PDB file of N, CA and C in Angstrom:
ATOM      1  N   MET A   1     -32.137  26.756 -57.141  1.00  0.00           N
ATOM      2  CA  MET A   1     -33.394  26.875 -57.832  1.00  0.00           C
ATOM      3  C   MET A   1     -33.539  28.343 -58.441  1.00  0.00           C
ATOM      4  N   GLU A   2     -34.221  28.312 -59.491  1.00  0.00           N
ATOM      5  CA  GLU A   2     -34.139  29.484 -60.386  1.00  0.00           C
ATOM      6  C   GLU A   2     -35.343  30.502 -59.789  1.00  0.00           C
ATOM      7  N   GLN A   3     -34.688  31.808 -59.831  1.00  0.00           N
ATOM      8  CA  GLN A   3     -35.815  32.816 -59.142  1.00  0.00           C
ATOM      9  C   GLN A   3     -36.920  33.076 -60.027  1.00  0.00           C
ATOM     10  N   ARG A   4     -38.141  32.909 -59.573  1.00  0.00           N
ATOM     11  CA  ARG A   4     -39.178  33.440 -60.341  1.00  0.00           C
ATOM     12  C   ARG A   4     -39.933  34.637 -60.011  1.00  0.00           C
ATOM     13  N   ASP A   5     -40.979  35.114 -60.859  1.00  0.00           N
ATOM     14  CA  ASP A   5     -41.643  36.330 -60.473  1.00  0.00           C
ATOM     15  C   ASP A   5     -43.090  36.032 -59.578  1.00  0.00           C
ATOM     16  N   LEU A   6     -43.236  36.596 -58.675  1.00  0.00           N
ATOM     17  CA  LEU A   6     -44.522  36.667 -57.879  1.00  0.00           C
ATOM     18  C   LEU A   6     -45.184  37.960 -58.520  1.00  0.00           C
ATOM     19  N   LEU A   7     -46.045  37.858 -59.286  1.00  0.00           N
ATOM     20  CA  LEU A   7     -46.596  38.930 -59.695  1.00  0.00           C
ATOM     21  C   LEU A   7     -47.535  39.724 -58.669  1.00  0.00           C
ATOM     22  N   LEU A   8     -47.688  40.838 -58.538  1.00  0.00           N
ATOM     23  CA  LEU A   8     -48.597  41.650 -57.756  1.00  0.00           C
ATOM     24  C   LEU A   8     -49.355  42.525 -58.826  1.00  0.00           C
ATOM     25  N   TYR A   9     -50.636  42.049 -58.882  1.00  0.00           N
ATOM     26  CA  TYR A   9     -51.549  43.108 -59.726  1.00  0.00           C
ATOM     27  C   TYR A   9     -51.972  44.070 -58.865  1.00  0.00           C
ATOM     28  N   THR A  10     -51.606  45.261 -59.294  1.00  0.00           N
ATOM     29  CA  THR A  10     -51.958  46.559 -58.531  1.00  0.00           C
ATOM     30  C   THR A  10     -52.252  47.691 -59.490  1.00  0.00           C
ATOM     31  N   THR A  11     -52.505  48.664 -58.906  1.00  0.00           N
ATOM     32  CA  THR A  11     -52.567  50.061 -59.768  1.00  0.00           C
ATOM     33  C   THR A  11     -51.965  51.357 -58.811  1.00  0.00           C
ATOM     34  N   LEU A  12     -51.905  52.406 -59.447  1.00  0.00           N
ATOM     35  CA  LEU A  12     -51.433  53.513 -58.567  1.00  0.00           C
ATOM     36  C   LEU A  12     -52.410  53.864 -57.592  1.00  0.00           C
ATOM     37  N   GLY A  13     -51.947  54.038 -56.348  1.00  0.00           N
ATOM     38  CA  GLY A  13     -52.708  54.691 -55.251  1.00  0.00           C
ATOM     39  C   GLY A  13     -53.587  53.444 -54.702  1.00  0.00           C
ATOM     40  N   CYS A  14     -52.985  52.333 -54.824  1.00  0.00           N
ATOM     41  CA  CYS A  14     -53.695  51.213 -54.217  1.00  0.00           C
ATOM     42  C   CYS A  14     -53.143  50.947 -52.765  1.00  0.00           C
ATOM     43  N   SER A  15     -53.910  51.466 -51.739  1.00  0.00           N
ATOM     44  CA  SER A  15     -53.358  51.441 -50.272  1.00  0.00           C
ATOM     45  C   SER A  15     -53.337  49.903 -49.778  1.00  0.00           C
ATOM     46  N   LEU A  16     -54.527  49.201 -50.339  1.00  0.00           N
ATOM     47  CA  LEU A  16     -54.651  47.820 -49.909  1.00  0.00           C
ATOM     48  C   LEU A  16     -53.243  47.027 -50.357  1.00  0.00           C
ATOM     49  N   CYS A  17     -52.841  47.447 -51.514  1.00  0.00           N
ATOM     50  CA  CYS A  17     -51.730  46.828 -51.922  1.00  0.00           C
ATOM     51  C   CYS A  17     -50.334  46.880 -51.304  1.00  0.00           C
ATOM     52  N   GLU A  18     -50.440  48.029 -50.527  1.00  0.00           N
ATOM     53  CA  GLU A  18     -49.144  48.392 -49.566  1.00  0.00           C
ATOM     54  C   GLU A  18     -49.195  47.361 -48.217  1.00  0.00           C
ATOM     55  N   LYS A  19     -50.604  47.082 -48.011  1.00  0.00           N
ATOM     56  CA  LYS A  19     -50.880  46.013 -46.708  1.00  0.00           C
ATOM     57  C   LYS A  19     -50.409  44.738 -47.349  1.00  0.00           C
ATOM     58  N   ALA A  20     -50.789  44.492 -48.430  1.00  0.00           N
ATOM     59  CA  ALA A  20     -50.599  43.033 -49.041  1.00  0.00           C
ATOM     60  C   ALA A  20     -48.908  42.829 -48.891  1.00  0.00           C
ATOM     61  N   LYS A  21     -48.239  43.824 -49.382  1.00  0.00           N
ATOM     62  CA  LYS A  21     -46.678  43.604 -49.416  1.00  0.00           C
ATOM     63  C   LYS A  21     -46.129  43.272 -48.109  1.00  0.00           C
ATOM     64  N   VAL A  22     -46.843  43.624 -47.015  1.00  0.00           N
ATOM     65  CA  VAL A  22     -46.297  43.102 -45.706  1.00  0.00           C
ATOM     66  C   VAL A  22     -46.413  41.800 -45.540  1.00  0.00           C
ATOM     67  N   GLU A  23     -47.527  41.299 -46.132  1.00  0.00           N
ATOM     68  CA  GLU A  23     -47.641  39.739 -45.952  1.00  0.00           C
ATOM     69  C   GLU A  23     -46.708  39.029 -46.997  1.00  0.00           C
ATOM     70  N   ILE A  24     -46.595  39.732 -48.025  1.00  0.00           N
ATOM     71  CA  ILE A  24     -45.614  39.059 -49.096  1.00  0.00           C
ATOM     72  C   ILE A  24     -44.196  38.946 -48.796  1.00  0.00           C
ATOM     73  N   TRP A  25     -43.646  40.065 -48.293  1.00  0.00           N
ATOM     74  CA  TRP A  25     -42.216  40.061 -48.260  1.00  0.00           C
ATOM     75  C   TRP A  25     -41.489  38.996 -47.510  1.00  0.00           C
ATOM     76  N   PRO A  26     -42.005  38.476 -46.455  1.00  0.00           N
ATOM     77  CA  PRO A  26     -41.515  37.558 -45.703  1.00  0.00           C
ATOM     78  C   PRO A  26     -41.386  36.241 -46.414  1.00  0.00           C
ATOM     79  N   LEU A  27     -42.107  36.060 -47.489  1.00  0.00           N
ATOM     80  CA  LEU A  27     -42.115  34.655 -48.184  1.00  0.00           C
ATOM     81  C   LEU A  27     -41.138  34.515 -49.436  1.00  0.00           C
ATOM     82  N   LEU A  28     -40.864  35.814 -49.804  1.00  0.00           N
ATOM     83  CA  LEU A  28     -40.223  35.881 -51.056  1.00  0.00           C
ATOM     84  C   LEU A  28     -38.843  35.050 -51.009  1.00  0.00           C
ATOM     85  N   GLU A  29     -38.051  35.191 -50.128  1.00  0.00           N
ATOM     86  CA  GLU A  29     -36.734  34.363 -49.943  1.00  0.00           C
ATOM     87  C   GLU A  29     -37.074  32.856 -49.837  1.00  0.00           C
ATOM     88  N   LYS A  30     -38.063  32.630 -49.071  1.00  0.00           N
ATOM     89  CA  LYS A  30     -38.392  31.202 -48.711  1.00  0.00           C
ATOM     90  C   LYS A  30     -38.745  30.453 -50.120  1.00  0.00           C
ATOM     91  N   TYR A  31     -39.359  31.238 -51.063  1.00  0.00           N
ATOM     92  CA  TYR A  31     -39.946  30.575 -52.226  1.00  0.00           C
ATOM     93  C   TYR A  31     -38.992  31.013 -53.397  1.00  0.00           C
ATOM     94  N   GLN A  32     -37.830  31.687 -53.245  1.00  0.00           N
ATOM     95  CA  GLN A  32     -36.940  32.089 -54.231  1.00  0.00           C
ATOM     96  C   GLN A  32     -37.732  32.946 -55.107  1.00  0.00           C
ATOM     97  N   LEU A  33     -38.419  33.974 -54.784  1.00  0.00           N
ATOM     98  CA  LEU A  33     -39.335  34.682 -55.761  1.00  0.00           C
ATOM     99  C   LEU A  33     -38.882  36.314 -55.708  1.00  0.00           C
ATOM    100  N   ARG A  34     -39.157  36.798 -56.698  1.00  0.00           N
ATOM    101  CA  ARG A  34     -38.947  38.264 -56.950  1.00  0.00           C
ATOM    102  C   ARG A  34     -40.334  38.753 -56.980  1.00  0.00           C
ATOM    103  N   LEU A  35     -40.569  39.962 -56.396  1.00  0.00           N
ATOM    104  CA  LEU A  35     -41.966  40.416 -56.348  1.00  0.00           C
ATOM    105  C   LEU A  35     -42.084  41.330 -57.598  1.00  0.00           C
ATOM    106  N   ARG A  36     -42.826  41.321 -58.639  1.00  0.00           N
ATOM    107  CA  ARG A  36     -42.983  42.231 -59.728  1.00  0.00           C
ATOM    108  C   ARG A  36     -44.296  42.708 -59.773  1.00  0.00           C
ATOM    109  N   PRO A  37     -44.540  44.053 -59.521  1.00  0.00           N
ATOM    110  CA  PRO A  37     -45.812  44.739 -59.684  1.00  0.00           C
ATOM    111  C   PRO A  37     -46.181  44.825 -61.040  1.00  0.00           C
ATOM    112  N   VAL A  38     -47.512  44.517 -61.410  1.00  0.00           N
ATOM    113  CA  VAL A  38     -48.142  44.737 -62.740  1.00  0.00           C
ATOM    114  C   VAL A  38     -49.303  45.658 -62.632  1.00  0.00           C
ATOM    115  N   ASP A  39     -49.134  46.748 -63.354  1.00  0.00           N
ATOM    116  CA  ASP A  39     -50.235  47.870 -63.298  1.00  0.00           C
ATOM    117  C   ASP A  39     -51.364  47.299 -64.040  1.00  0.00           C
ATOM    118  N   ILE A  40     -52.550  47.076 -63.622  1.00  0.00           N
ATOM    119  CA  ILE A  40     -53.695  46.606 -64.228  1.00  0.00           C
ATOM    120  C   ILE A  40     -54.364  47.767 -65.187  1.00  0.00           C
ATOM    121  N   ALA A  41     -54.014  48.878 -64.757  1.00  0.00           N
ATOM    122  CA  ALA A  41     -54.421  50.088 -65.714  1.00  0.00           C
ATOM    123  C   ALA A  41     -53.873  49.920 -67.078  1.00  0.00           C
ATOM    124  N   ASP A  42     -52.826  49.385 -67.132  1.00  0.00           N
ATOM    125  CA  ASP A  42     -51.970  49.374 -68.459  1.00  0.00           C
ATOM    126  C   ASP A  42     -52.519  48.227 -69.400  1.00  0.00           C
ATOM    127  N   ASP A  43     -53.657  47.339 -68.988  1.00  0.00           N
ATOM    128  CA  ASP A  43     -54.045  46.182 -69.795  1.00  0.00           C
ATOM    129  C   ASP A  43     -55.476  45.960 -69.376  1.00  0.00           C
ATOM    130  N   GLU A  44     -56.266  46.060 -70.452  1.00  0.00           N
ATOM    131  CA  GLU A  44     -57.580  45.932 -70.592  1.00  0.00           C
ATOM    132  C   GLU A  44     -58.264  44.703 -69.797  1.00  0.00           C
ATOM    133  N   THR A  45     -57.611  43.663 -70.385  1.00  0.00           N
ATOM    134  CA  THR A  45     -58.017  42.422 -69.653  1.00  0.00           C
ATOM    135  C   THR A  45     -57.715  42.170 -68.415  1.00  0.00           C
ATOM    136  N   LEU A  46     -56.656  42.720 -68.089  1.00  0.00           N
ATOM    137  CA  LEU A  46     -56.168  42.540 -66.404  1.00  0.00           C
ATOM    138  C   LEU A  46     -57.324  43.511 -65.646  1.00  0.00           C
ATOM    139  N   SER A  47     -57.555  44.689 -66.178  1.00  0.00           N
ATOM    140  CA  SER A  47     -58.480  45.671 -65.424  1.00  0.00           C
ATOM    141  C   SER A  47     -59.896  44.907 -65.388  1.00  0.00           C
ATOM    142  N   ARG A  48     -60.251  44.298 -66.407  1.00  0.00           N
ATOM    143  CA  ARG A  48     -61.527  43.382 -66.355  1.00  0.00           C
ATOM    144  C   ARG A  48     -61.525  42.346 -65.416  1.00  0.00           C
ATOM    145  N   LEU A  49     -60.451  41.594 -65.522  1.00  0.00           N
ATOM    146  CA  LEU A  49     -60.296  40.486 -64.416  1.00  0.00           C
ATOM    147  C   LEU A  49     -60.048  40.774 -63.061  1.00  0.00           C
ATOM    148  N   PHE A  50     -59.301  41.850 -62.715  1.00  0.00           N
ATOM    149  CA  PHE A  50     -58.916  42.109 -61.292  1.00  0.00           C
ATOM    150  C   PHE A  50     -59.392  43.517 -60.734  1.00  0.00           C
ATOM    151  N   GLY A  51     -60.143  44.248 -61.525  1.00  0.00           N
ATOM    152  CA  GLY A  51     -60.284  45.619 -61.060  1.00  0.00           C
ATOM    153  C   GLY A  51     -60.888  45.840 -59.839  1.00  0.00           C
ATOM    154  N   TRP A  52     -61.980  44.651 -59.408  1.00  0.00           N
ATOM    155  CA  TRP A  52     -62.676  45.049 -58.155  1.00  0.00           C
ATOM    156  C   TRP A  52     -61.975  44.167 -57.145  1.00  0.00           C
ATOM    157  N   SER A  53     -60.765  43.546 -57.365  1.00  0.00           N
ATOM    158  CA  SER A  53     -60.266  42.354 -56.411  1.00  0.00           C
ATOM    159  C   SER A  53     -58.733  42.680 -56.167  1.00  0.00           C
ATOM    160  N   ILE A  54     -58.116  43.760 -56.535  1.00  0.00           N
ATOM    161  CA  ILE A  54     -56.658  43.975 -56.347  1.00  0.00           C
ATOM    162  C   ILE A  54     -56.590  44.423 -54.867  1.00  0.00           C
ATOM    163  N   PRO A  55     -55.516  44.022 -54.230  1.00  0.00           N
ATOM    164  CA  PRO A  55     -54.277  43.309 -54.744  1.00  0.00           C
ATOM    165  C   PRO A  55     -54.582  41.779 -54.900  1.00  0.00           C
ATOM    166  N   VAL A  56     -53.960  41.508 -56.062  1.00  0.00           N
ATOM    167  CA  VAL A  56     -54.131  39.942 -56.484  1.00  0.00           C
ATOM    168  C   VAL A  56     -52.690  39.700 -56.748  1.00  0.00           C
ATOM    169  N   VAL A  57     -52.186  38.165 -56.243  1.00  0.00           N
ATOM    170  CA  VAL A  57     -50.974  37.763 -56.581  1.00  0.00           C
ATOM    171  C   VAL A  57     -51.024  36.613 -57.515  1.00  0.00           C
ATOM    172  N   GLY A  58     -49.974  36.209 -58.260  1.00  0.00           N
ATOM    173  CA  GLY A  58     -49.954  35.196 -59.075  1.00  0.00           C
ATOM    174  C   GLY A  58     -48.713  34.726 -59.570  1.00  0.00           C
ATOM    175  N   LEU A  59     -48.595  33.662 -60.379  1.00  0.00           N
ATOM    176  CA  LEU A  59     -47.208  33.137 -60.642  1.00  0.00           C
ATOM    177  C   LEU A  59     -47.194  33.178 -62.163  1.00  0.00           C
ATOM    178  N   GLY A  60     -48.319  33.844 -62.843  1.00  0.00           N
ATOM    179  CA  GLY A  60     -48.390  33.981 -64.234  1.00  0.00           C
ATOM    180  C   GLY A  60     -49.692  33.578 -64.873  1.00  0.00           C
ATOM    181  N   ALA A  61     -50.366  32.435 -64.495  1.00  0.00           N
ATOM    182  CA  ALA A  61     -51.774  32.108 -65.119  1.00  0.00           C
ATOM    183  C   ALA A  61     -52.663  33.007 -64.226  1.00  0.00           C
ATOM    184  N   THR A  62     -53.490  34.004 -65.265  1.00  0.00           N
ATOM    185  CA  THR A  62     -54.526  34.637 -64.710  1.00  0.00           C
ATOM    186  C   THR A  62     -55.641  34.048 -63.980  1.00  0.00           C
ATOM    187  N   ASP A  63     -55.805  32.772 -64.326  1.00  0.00           N
ATOM    188  CA  ASP A  63     -56.906  31.926 -63.740  1.00  0.00           C
ATOM    189  C   ASP A  63     -56.696  31.129 -62.497  1.00  0.00           C
ATOM    190  N   ASP A  64     -55.242  31.346 -62.030  1.00  0.00           N
ATOM    191  CA  ASP A  64     -54.786  30.869 -60.607  1.00  0.00           C
ATOM    192  C   ASP A  64     -54.199  31.774 -59.953  1.00  0.00           C
ATOM    193  N   VAL A  65     -55.025  32.743 -59.179  1.00  0.00           N
ATOM    194  CA  VAL A  65     -54.410  33.829 -58.425  1.00  0.00           C
ATOM    195  C   VAL A  65     -55.009  33.819 -57.028  1.00  0.00           C
ATOM    196  N   LEU A  66     -54.443  34.475 -56.181  1.00  0.00           N
ATOM    197  CA  LEU A  66     -54.946  34.556 -54.830  1.00  0.00           C
ATOM    198  C   LEU A  66     -55.233  36.311 -54.707  1.00  0.00           C
ATOM    199  N   CYS A  67     -56.622  36.305 -54.200  1.00  0.00           N
ATOM    200  CA  CYS A  67     -57.177  37.635 -54.327  1.00  0.00           C
ATOM    201  C   CYS A  67     -56.907  37.987 -52.776  1.00  0.00           C
ATOM    202  N   TRP A  68     -56.753  39.367 -52.454  1.00  0.00           N
ATOM    203  CA  TRP A  68     -56.922  40.105 -51.068  1.00  0.00           C
ATOM    204  C   TRP A  68     -58.261  39.934 -50.665  1.00  0.00           C
ATOM    205  N   PRO A  69     -58.485  39.801 -49.470  1.00  0.00           N
ATOM    206  CA  PRO A  69     -57.386  39.639 -48.286  1.00  0.00           C
ATOM    207  C   PRO A  69     -56.923  38.175 -48.076  1.00  0.00           C
ATOM    208  N   PHE A  70     -55.536  38.173 -47.729  1.00  0.00           N
ATOM    209  CA  PHE A  70     -54.880  37.099 -47.539  1.00  0.00           C
ATOM    210  C   PHE A  70     -53.830  37.345 -46.560  1.00  0.00           C
ATOM    211  N   THR A  71     -53.475  36.201 -45.675  1.00  0.00           N
ATOM    212  CA  THR A  71     -52.596  36.505 -44.478  1.00  0.00           C
ATOM    213  C   THR A  71     -51.220  35.878 -45.118  1.00  0.00           C
ATOM    214  N   ALA A  72     -50.155  36.002 -44.437  1.00  0.00           N
ATOM    215  CA  ALA A  72     -48.844  35.463 -44.892  1.00  0.00           C
ATOM    216  C   ALA A  72     -49.066  33.909 -44.821  1.00  0.00           C
ATOM    217  N   GLU A  73     -49.829  33.339 -43.917  1.00  0.00           N
ATOM    218  CA  GLU A  73     -49.914  31.908 -43.707  1.00  0.00           C
ATOM    219  C   GLU A  73     -50.825  31.445 -45.011  1.00  0.00           C
ATOM    220  N   GLU A  74     -51.773  32.148 -45.430  1.00  0.00           N
ATOM    221  CA  GLU A  74     -52.639  31.762 -46.476  1.00  0.00           C
ATOM    222  C   GLU A  74     -51.776  31.744 -47.778  1.00  0.00           C
ATOM    223  N   LEU A  75     -50.854  32.802 -47.909  1.00  0.00           N
ATOM    224  CA  LEU A  75     -49.972  32.971 -48.997  1.00  0.00           C
ATOM    225  C   LEU A  75     -49.068  31.862 -49.072  1.00  0.00           C
ATOM    226  N   ASP A  76     -48.431  31.442 -47.885  1.00  0.00           N
ATOM    227  CA  ASP A  76     -47.397  30.442 -47.699  1.00  0.00           C
ATOM    228  C   ASP A  76     -48.146  29.079 -48.170  1.00  0.00           C
ATOM    229  N   VAL A  77     -49.288  28.812 -47.706  1.00  0.00           N
ATOM    230  CA  VAL A  77     -49.959  27.541 -48.250  1.00  0.00           C
ATOM    231  C   VAL A  77     -50.197  27.677 -49.731  1.00  0.00           C
ATOM    232  N   TRP A  78     -50.701  28.693 -50.360  1.00  0.00           N
ATOM    233  CA  TRP A  78     -51.069  28.611 -51.662  1.00  0.00           C
ATOM    234  C   TRP A  78     -49.790  28.719 -52.588  1.00  0.00           C
ATOM    235  N   LEU A  79     -48.543  29.131 -52.102  1.00  0.00           N
ATOM    236  CA  LEU A  79     -47.237  29.021 -52.806  1.00  0.00           C
ATOM    237  C   LEU A  79     -46.727  27.706 -52.659  1.00  0.00           C
ATOM    238  N   ALA A  80     -46.899  26.913 -51.621  1.00  0.00           N
ATOM    239  CA  ALA A  80     -46.426  25.703 -51.333  1.00  0.00           C
ATOM    240  C   ALA A  80     -47.202  24.637 -52.240  1.00  0.00           C
ATOM    241  N   GLU A  81     -48.439  24.765 -52.540  1.00  0.00           N
ATOM    242  CA  GLU A  81     -49.391  23.957 -53.275  1.00  0.00           C
ATOM    243  C   GLU A  81     -48.711  24.311 -54.873  1.00  0.00           C
ATOM    244  N   ARG A  82     -48.132  25.219 -55.058  1.00  0.00           N
ATOM    245  CA  ARG A  82     -47.734  25.429 -56.616  1.00  0.00           C
ATOM    246  C   ARG A  82     -46.244  25.369 -56.699  1.00  0.00           C
ATOM    247  N   ARG A  83     -45.451  25.018 -55.786  1.00  0.00           N
ATOM    248  CA  ARG A  83     -43.920  24.859 -55.780  1.00  0.00           C
ATOM    249  C   ARG A  83     -43.781  23.811 -56.933  1.00  0.00           C
ATOM    250  N   GLU A  84     -42.834  24.217 -57.652  1.00  0.00           N
ATOM    251  CA  GLU A  84     -42.615  23.108 -58.902  1.00  0.00           C
ATOM    252  C   GLU A  84     -41.382  22.077 -58.238  1.00  0.00           C
TER     253      GLU A  84
END
């Protein structure tokens, strides 16, 4: 299975993003994912979409994301539903 990116929409100084990583890390290997932080401050569209809801995780489509707060179990279900 080819490794894909799990995008973590974040920005500098996001303390909730650190909490989200604790939930994310255990699932990366299970789903063969790499965690790739995406700073929303660098993109006006992403800032508009996610500015009030980061951390947000996704697999690429900005209309199919999981917003914080989420548990590892909730993320596991979300990822399982999107497994190719």
